Amino acid sequence: RLSLVGSEMCIRDRFILLASLFMASNVCAQTYAQEELAKQRAAERVAQMNDYVSFMASKEKNLNYRRYYKNKALNLFIGKGYEYNRDGYPCKGVIMEVSSTRRRAVSKPLIRNYFDNLTKLQYTSVKITSSEVAEMKISNLKKTEKDNVYECTCQYVQIFEGRNDSFVYKDKVVKRIKCYVTFEYVEDEEDPEMMVLLGDTQCISTEKL
């Protein structure tokens, strides 16, 4: 038989265990919710970049309009499209891989040069459409070497259509872009603020339409 003291200790230990499990489940639920929100924010940032890409390429707008959206798009990237440090090593800027069914090699221009080229495409009409947020595939977050900074990838589809008189070129490219999420903890705020910046983009596949 348990003594009264032993019985009270068992009840106390059981209460502590239940309280610990409850707190752990709340932390896990909160962490999961934060991760899902961060992935949603990353997808929204990629969609914003894709909107700017379509504006830059559109021949219906004047050159100043397209350059304006080029500058807005660069602000979405690490280093704003210019030099930055990655894992302690200097980089000239973020890379945007570019592919075409008319050539085998994938080119790897700096993002600022890619955006410049979009404003100078030699077509009379250009239309670029991309996946909606709900259609994108977002990987789980991974911790980086920097405090409170995580990375994930966002996979999306981009459809390009260029026209010159009777000639039409159209393709579909599956792309995967790196996203960096910084959690900023503010005093007296339960949930952290999130800042998303975009990184290098890789071409996964290209097919003619």
C-alpha atoms as a PDB file:
ATOM      1  CA  ARG A   1       0.000   0.000   0.000  1.00  0.00           C
ATOM      2  CA  LEU A   2       1.144   3.546  -0.739  1.00  0.00           C
ATOM      3  CA  SER A   3       1.522   5.910   2.165  1.00  0.00           C
ATOM      4  CA  LEU A   4      -0.343   9.209   2.096  1.00  0.00           C
ATOM      5  CA  VAL A   5       2.880  11.017   1.220  1.00  0.00           C
ATOM      6  CA  GLY A   6       3.663   8.512  -1.552  1.00  0.00           C
ATOM      7  CA  SER A   7       0.166   8.866  -2.940  1.00  0.00           C
ATOM      8  CA  GLU A   8       0.461  12.657  -3.018  1.00  0.00           C
ATOM      9  CA  MET A   9       3.821  12.384  -4.797  1.00  0.00           C
ATOM     10  CA  CYS A  10       2.314  10.138  -7.478  1.00  0.00           C
ATOM     11  CA  ILE A  11      -0.544  12.597  -8.034  1.00  0.00           C
ATOM     12  CA  ARG A  12       1.918  15.483  -8.195  1.00  0.00           C
ATOM     13  CA  ASP A  13       4.215  13.653 -10.666  1.00  0.00           C
ATOM     14  CA  ARG A  14       1.231  12.711 -12.816  1.00  0.00           C
ATOM     15  CA  PHE A  15       0.057  16.336 -12.837  1.00  0.00           C
ATOM     16  CA  ILE A  16       3.541  17.579 -13.809  1.00  0.00           C
ATOM     17  CA  LEU A  17       3.713  15.005 -16.628  1.00  0.00           C
ATOM     18  CA  LEU A  18       0.289  16.009 -17.985  1.00  0.00           C
ATOM     19  CA  ALA A  19       1.165  19.699 -17.746  1.00  0.00           C
ATOM     20  CA  SER A  20       4.456  19.095 -19.595  1.00  0.00           C
ATOM     21  CA  LEU A  21       2.698  17.143 -22.339  1.00  0.00           C
ATOM     22  CA  PHE A  22       0.086  19.876 -22.687  1.00  0.00           C
ATOM     23  CA  MET A  23       2.752  22.598 -22.949  1.00  0.00           C
ATOM     24  CA  ALA A  24       4.758  20.548 -25.466  1.00  0.00           C
ATOM     25  CA  SER A  25       1.680  19.982 -27.629  1.00  0.00           C
ATOM     26  CA  ASN A  26       0.929  23.719 -27.559  1.00  0.00           C
ATOM     27  CA  VAL A  27       4.524  24.544 -28.575  1.00  0.00           C
ATOM     28  CA  CYS A  28       4.401  21.999 -31.412  1.00  0.00           C
ATOM     29  CA  ALA A  29       1.058  23.328 -32.613  1.00  0.00           C
ATOM     30  CA  GLN A  30       2.319  26.919 -32.472  1.00  0.00           C
ATOM     31  CA  THR A  31       5.562  25.998 -34.282  1.00  0.00           C
ATOM     32  CA  TYR A  32       3.622  24.124 -36.969  1.00  0.00           C
ATOM     33  CA  ALA A  33       1.260  27.071 -37.433  1.00  0.00           C
ATOM     34  CA  GLN A  34       4.201  29.465 -37.734  1.00  0.00           C
ATOM     35  CA  GLU A  35       5.890  27.240 -40.305  1.00  0.00           C
ATOM     36  CA  GLU A  36       2.720  26.977 -42.392  1.00  0.00           C
ATOM     37  CA  LEU A  37       2.308  30.756 -42.241  1.00  0.00           C
ATOM     38  CA  ALA A  38       5.946  31.240 -43.265  1.00  0.00           C
ATOM     39  CA  LYS A  39       5.464  28.911 -46.250  1.00  0.00           C
ATOM     40  CA  GLN A  40       2.350  30.844 -47.245  1.00  0.00           C
ATOM     41  CA  ARG A  41       4.277  34.129 -47.034  1.00  0.00           C
ATOM     42  CA  ALA A  42       7.063  32.658 -49.187  1.00  0.00           C
ATOM     43  CA  ALA A  43       4.574  31.584 -51.863  1.00  0.00           C
ATOM     44  CA  GLU A  44       2.964  35.032 -51.818  1.00  0.00           C
ATOM     45  CA  ARG A  45       6.369  36.674 -52.279  1.00  0.00           C
ATOM     46  CA  VAL A  46       7.109  34.419 -55.279  1.00  0.00           C
ATOM     47  CA  ALA A  47       3.706  35.265 -56.769  1.00  0.00           C
ATOM     48  CA  GLN A  48       4.495  38.959 -56.322  1.00  0.00           C
ATOM     49  CA  MET A  49       7.791  38.483 -58.163  1.00  0.00           C
ATOM     50  CA  ASN A  50       5.989  36.668 -60.991  1.00  0.00           C
ATOM     51  CA  ASP A  51       3.508  39.537 -61.333  1.00  0.00           C
ATOM     52  CA  TYR A  52       6.402  41.969 -61.695  1.00  0.00           C
ATOM     53  CA  VAL A  53       8.016  39.683 -64.307  1.00  0.00           C
ATOM     54  CA  SER A  54       4.846  39.777 -66.399  1.00  0.00           C
ATOM     55  CA  PHE A  55       4.734  43.594 -66.116  1.00  0.00           C
ATOM     56  CA  MET A  56       8.393  43.923 -67.174  1.00  0.00           C
ATOM     57  CA  ALA A  57       7.945  41.735 -70.237  1.00  0.00           C
ATOM     58  CA  SER A  58       4.678  43.286 -71.449  1.00  0.00           C
ATOM     59  CA  LYS A  59       5.039  45.250 -74.691  1.00  0.00           C
ATOM     60  CA  GLU A  60       1.777  47.022 -73.921  1.00  0.00           C
ATOM     61  CA  LYS A  61       3.559  49.180 -71.345  1.00  0.00           C
ATOM     62  CA  ASN A  62       6.200  51.845 -71.964  1.00  0.00           C
ATOM     63  CA  LEU A  63       9.845  51.287 -71.002  1.00  0.00           C
ATOM     64  CA  ASN A  64       9.737  53.525 -67.918  1.00  0.00           C
ATOM     65  CA  TYR A  65       6.804  51.518 -66.567  1.00  0.00           C
ATOM     66  CA  ARG A  66       8.685  48.256 -67.075  1.00  0.00           C
ATOM     67  CA  ARG A  67      11.848  49.616 -65.454  1.00  0.00           C
ATOM     68  CA  TYR A  68       9.810  50.747 -62.478  1.00  0.00           C
ATOM     69  CA  TYR A  69       8.679  47.159 -61.879  1.00  0.00           C
ATOM     70  CA  LYS A  70      12.198  45.898 -62.423  1.00  0.00           C
ATOM     71  CA  ASN A  71      13.325  47.964 -59.421  1.00  0.00           C
ATOM     72  CA  LYS A  72      10.372  46.791 -57.329  1.00  0.00           C
ATOM     73  CA  ALA A  73      11.185  43.178 -58.199  1.00  0.00           C
ATOM     74  CA  LEU A  74      14.857  43.537 -57.241  1.00  0.00           C
ATOM     75  CA  ASN A  75      13.783  44.607 -53.738  1.00  0.00           C
ATOM     76  CA  LEU A  76      12.293  41.138 -53.240  1.00  0.00           C
ATOM     77  CA  PHE A  77      15.722  39.457 -53.479  1.00  0.00           C
ATOM     78  CA  ILE A  78      18.719  39.077 -51.195  1.00  0.00           C
ATOM     79  CA  GLY A  79      21.064  41.994 -51.766  1.00  0.00           C
ATOM     80  CA  LYS A  80      18.362  43.602 -53.919  1.00  0.00           C
ATOM     81  CA  GLY A  81      19.880  41.746 -56.878  1.00  0.00           C
ATOM     82  CA  TYR A  82      23.439  42.876 -56.169  1.00  0.00           C
ATOM     83  CA  GLU A  83      26.387  41.584 -54.124  1.00  0.00           C
ATOM     84  CA  TYR A  84      25.706  39.705 -50.896  1.00  0.00           C
ATOM     85  CA  ASN A  85      27.391  37.176 -48.598  1.00  0.00           C
ATOM     86  CA  ARG A  86      26.249  33.556 -48.563  1.00  0.00           C
ATOM     87  CA  ASP A  87      27.623  31.317 -45.814  1.00  0.00           C
ATOM     88  CA  GLY A  88      30.541  33.701 -45.426  1.00  0.00           C
ATOM     89  CA  TYR A  89      31.384  33.803 -49.139  1.00  0.00           C
ATOM     90  CA  PRO A  90      30.805  36.848 -51.388  1.00  0.00           C
ATOM     91  CA  CYS A  91      28.352  36.394 -54.272  1.00  0.00           C
ATOM     92  CA  LYS A  92      27.944  38.739 -57.240  1.00  0.00           C
ATOM     93  CA  GLY A  93      24.183  38.482 -56.942  1.00  0.00           C
ATOM     94  CA  VAL A  94      21.202  36.150 -57.131  1.00  0.00           C
ATOM     95  CA  ILE A  95      21.057  33.821 -60.154  1.00  0.00           C
ATOM     96  CA  MET A  96      17.986  33.224 -62.337  1.00  0.00           C
ATOM     97  CA  GLU A  97      18.387  30.181 -64.588  1.00  0.00           C
ATOM     98  CA  VAL A  98      16.860  30.602 -68.060  1.00  0.00           C
ATOM     99  CA  SER A  99      16.001  27.754 -70.448  1.00  0.00           C
ATOM    100  CA  SER A 100      14.481  27.391 -73.904  1.00  0.00           C
ATOM    101  CA  THR A 101      13.473  24.520 -76.170  1.00  0.00           C
ATOM    102  CA  ARG A 102      15.560  26.184 -78.887  1.00  0.00           C
ATOM    103  CA  ARG A 103      18.855  25.572 -77.065  1.00  0.00           C
ATOM    104  CA  ARG A 104      20.254  22.793 -74.912  1.00  0.00           C
ATOM    105  CA  ALA A 105      22.260  24.830 -72.435  1.00  0.00           C
ATOM    106  CA  VAL A 106      20.666  26.572 -69.481  1.00  0.00           C
ATOM    107  CA  SER A 107      21.966  30.115 -69.038  1.00  0.00           C
ATOM    108  CA  LYS A 108      22.552  31.543 -65.560  1.00  0.00           C
ATOM    109  CA  PRO A 109      22.360  35.351 -65.647  1.00  0.00           C
ATOM    110  CA  LEU A 110      22.349  37.503 -62.547  1.00  0.00           C
ATOM    111  CA  ILE A 111      18.807  38.441 -61.636  1.00  0.00           C
ATOM    112  CA  ARG A 112      19.353  42.122 -62.464  1.00  0.00           C
ATOM    113  CA  ASN A 113      20.572  41.177 -65.964  1.00  0.00           C
ATOM    114  CA  TYR A 114      17.654  38.774 -66.416  1.00  0.00           C
ATOM    115  CA  PHE A 115      15.223  41.582 -65.597  1.00  0.00           C
ATOM    116  CA  ASP A 116      17.039  43.915 -68.012  1.00  0.00           C
ATOM    117  CA  ASN A 117      16.664  41.326 -70.766  1.00  0.00           C
ATOM    118  CA  LEU A 118      12.948  41.006 -70.045  1.00  0.00           C
ATOM    119  CA  THR A 119      12.449  44.687 -70.847  1.00  0.00           C
ATOM    120  CA  LYS A 120      14.305  44.264 -74.183  1.00  0.00           C
ATOM    121  CA  LEU A 121      12.800  41.056 -75.625  1.00  0.00           C
ATOM    122  CA  GLN A 122      12.720  41.077 -79.437  1.00  0.00           C
ATOM    123  CA  TYR A 123       9.051  40.220 -79.800  1.00  0.00           C
ATOM    124  CA  THR A 124       6.160  42.455 -80.777  1.00  0.00           C
ATOM    125  CA  SER A 125       4.028  40.790 -78.092  1.00  0.00           C
ATOM    126  CA  VAL A 126       5.047  38.975 -74.894  1.00  0.00           C
ATOM    127  CA  LYS A 127       2.872  37.252 -72.313  1.00  0.00           C
ATOM    128  CA  ILE A 128       4.213  35.510 -69.194  1.00  0.00           C
ATOM    129  CA  THR A 129       1.899  33.728 -66.778  1.00  0.00           C
ATOM    130  CA  SER A 130       2.809  31.762 -63.650  1.00  0.00           C
ATOM    131  CA  SER A 131       1.296  29.480 -61.027  1.00  0.00           C
ATOM    132  CA  GLU A 132      -1.169  30.835 -58.496  1.00  0.00           C
ATOM    133  CA  VAL A 133      -0.158  30.661 -54.834  1.00  0.00           C
ATOM    134  CA  ALA A 134      -2.364  27.612 -54.175  1.00  0.00           C
ATOM    135  CA  GLU A 135      -0.683  25.726 -57.039  1.00  0.00           C
ATOM    136  CA  MET A 136       2.886  26.193 -55.808  1.00  0.00           C
ATOM    137  CA  LYS A 137       4.808  23.451 -54.017  1.00  0.00           C
ATOM    138  CA  ILE A 138       6.608  24.681 -50.903  1.00  0.00           C
ATOM    139  CA  SER A 139       9.194  22.570 -49.076  1.00  0.00           C
ATOM    140  CA  ASN A 140       9.471  22.454 -45.293  1.00  0.00           C
ATOM    141  CA  LEU A 141      11.637  25.053 -43.587  1.00  0.00           C
ATOM    142  CA  LYS A 142      15.288  24.259 -42.841  1.00  0.00           C
ATOM    143  CA  LYS A 143      17.425  26.115 -40.318  1.00  0.00           C
ATOM    144  CA  THR A 144      20.369  28.025 -41.747  1.00  0.00           C
ATOM    145  CA  GLU A 145      23.585  28.950 -39.980  1.00  0.00           C
ATOM    146  CA  LYS A 146      22.171  32.389 -39.179  1.00  0.00           C
ATOM    147  CA  ASP A 147      20.054  32.909 -36.075  1.00  0.00           C
ATOM    148  CA  ASN A 148      16.306  32.947 -36.741  1.00  0.00           C
ATOM    149  CA  VAL A 149      16.807  32.482 -40.513  1.00  0.00           C
ATOM    150  CA  TYR A 150      15.251  29.508 -42.304  1.00  0.00           C
ATOM    151  CA  GLU A 151      15.133  28.487 -45.941  1.00  0.00           C
ATOM    152  CA  CYS A 152      12.658  26.641 -48.131  1.00  0.00           C
ATOM    153  CA  THR A 153      12.081  26.186 -51.851  1.00  0.00           C
ATOM    154  CA  CYS A 154       9.042  27.148 -53.898  1.00  0.00           C
ATOM    155  CA  GLN A 155       8.293  25.272 -57.122  1.00  0.00           C
ATOM    156  CA  TYR A 156       6.105  26.938 -59.715  1.00  0.00           C
ATOM    157  CA  VAL A 157       5.273  26.833 -63.424  1.00  0.00           C
ATOM    158  CA  GLN A 158       5.957  29.699 -65.814  1.00  0.00           C
ATOM    159  CA  ILE A 159       4.430  29.866 -69.301  1.00  0.00           C
ATOM    160  CA  PHE A 160       6.105  32.135 -71.850  1.00  0.00           C
ATOM    161  CA  GLU A 161       4.522  33.262 -75.113  1.00  0.00           C
ATOM    162  CA  GLY A 162       6.314  35.527 -77.574  1.00  0.00           C
ATOM    163  CA  ARG A 163       4.898  36.670 -80.940  1.00  0.00           C
ATOM    164  CA  ASN A 164       6.423  38.269 -84.025  1.00  0.00           C
ATOM    165  CA  ASP A 165       3.849  38.661 -86.794  1.00  0.00           C
ATOM    166  CA  SER A 166       2.914  35.068 -87.699  1.00  0.00           C
ATOM    167  CA  PHE A 167       5.724  33.480 -85.618  1.00  0.00           C
ATOM    168  CA  VAL A 168       4.825  32.251 -82.115  1.00  0.00           C
ATOM    169  CA  TYR A 169       7.151  30.743 -79.530  1.00  0.00           C
ATOM    170  CA  LYS A 170       5.561  29.224 -76.437  1.00  0.00           C
ATOM    171  CA  ASP A 171       6.995  27.057 -73.680  1.00  0.00           C
ATOM    172  CA  LYS A 172       6.345  25.870 -70.131  1.00  0.00           C
ATOM    173  CA  VAL A 173       9.152  25.899 -67.573  1.00  0.00           C
ATOM    174  CA  VAL A 174       9.044  24.375 -64.105  1.00  0.00           C
ATOM    175  CA  LYS A 175      11.175  26.491 -61.777  1.00  0.00           C
ATOM    176  CA  ARG A 176      12.318  26.162 -58.173  1.00  0.00           C
ATOM    177  CA  ILE A 177      13.329  29.246 -56.205  1.00  0.00           C
ATOM    178  CA  LYS A 178      14.984  29.504 -52.793  1.00  0.00           C
ATOM    179  CA  CYS A 179      13.193  31.537 -50.152  1.00  0.00           C
ATOM    180  CA  TYR A 180      14.767  32.811 -46.937  1.00  0.00           C
ATOM    181  CA  VAL A 181      12.497  33.498 -43.981  1.00  0.00           C
ATOM    182  CA  THR A 182      13.723  35.593 -41.061  1.00  0.00           C
ATOM    183  CA  PHE A 183      11.767  35.408 -37.797  1.00  0.00           C
ATOM    184  CA  GLU A 184      12.018  38.646 -35.850  1.00  0.00           C
ATOM    185  CA  TYR A 185      10.881  38.406 -32.241  1.00  0.00           C
ATOM    186  CA  VAL A 186       9.405  41.593 -30.815  1.00  0.00           C
ATOM    187  CA  GLU A 187       9.102  42.243 -27.084  1.00  0.00           C
ATOM    188  CA  ASP A 188       5.599  41.661 -25.674  1.00  0.00           C
ATOM    189  CA  GLU A 189       4.486  40.048 -28.970  1.00  0.00           C
ATOM    190  CA  GLU A 190       3.563  36.362 -28.872  1.00  0.00           C
ATOM    191  CA  ASP A 191       4.078  35.678 -32.587  1.00  0.00           C
ATOM    192  CA  PRO A 192       7.262  36.668 -34.442  1.00  0.00           C
ATOM    193  CA  GLU A 193       7.277  38.930 -37.464  1.00  0.00           C
ATOM    194  CA  MET A 194       8.406  37.283 -40.702  1.00  0.00           C
ATOM    195  CA  MET A 195      10.503  38.729 -43.508  1.00  0.00           C
ATOM    196  CA  VAL A 196      10.883  36.771 -46.772  1.00  0.00           C
ATOM    197  CA  LEU A 197      13.650  37.356 -49.310  1.00  0.00           C
ATOM    198  CA  LEU A 198      14.149  35.410 -52.532  1.00  0.00           C
ATOM    199  CA  GLY A 199      17.324  33.676 -53.710  1.00  0.00           C
ATOM    200  CA  ASP A 200      18.575  31.668 -56.690  1.00  0.00           C
ATOM    201  CA  THR A 201      16.125  30.122 -59.155  1.00  0.00           C
ATOM    202  CA  GLN A 202      16.697  26.763 -60.854  1.00  0.00           C
ATOM    203  CA  CYS A 203      15.063  25.450 -64.036  1.00  0.00           C
ATOM    204  CA  ILE A 204      13.717  21.930 -63.433  1.00  0.00           C
ATOM    205  CA  SER A 205      12.189  21.168 -66.832  1.00  0.00           C
ATOM    206  CA  THR A 206      11.245  22.896 -70.093  1.00  0.00           C
ATOM    207  CA  GLU A 207       8.739  21.836 -72.745  1.00  0.00           C
ATOM    208  CA  LYS A 208       7.412  23.433 -75.911  1.00  0.00           C
ATOM    209  CA  LEU A 209       3.728  24.234 -76.097  1.00  0.00           C
END
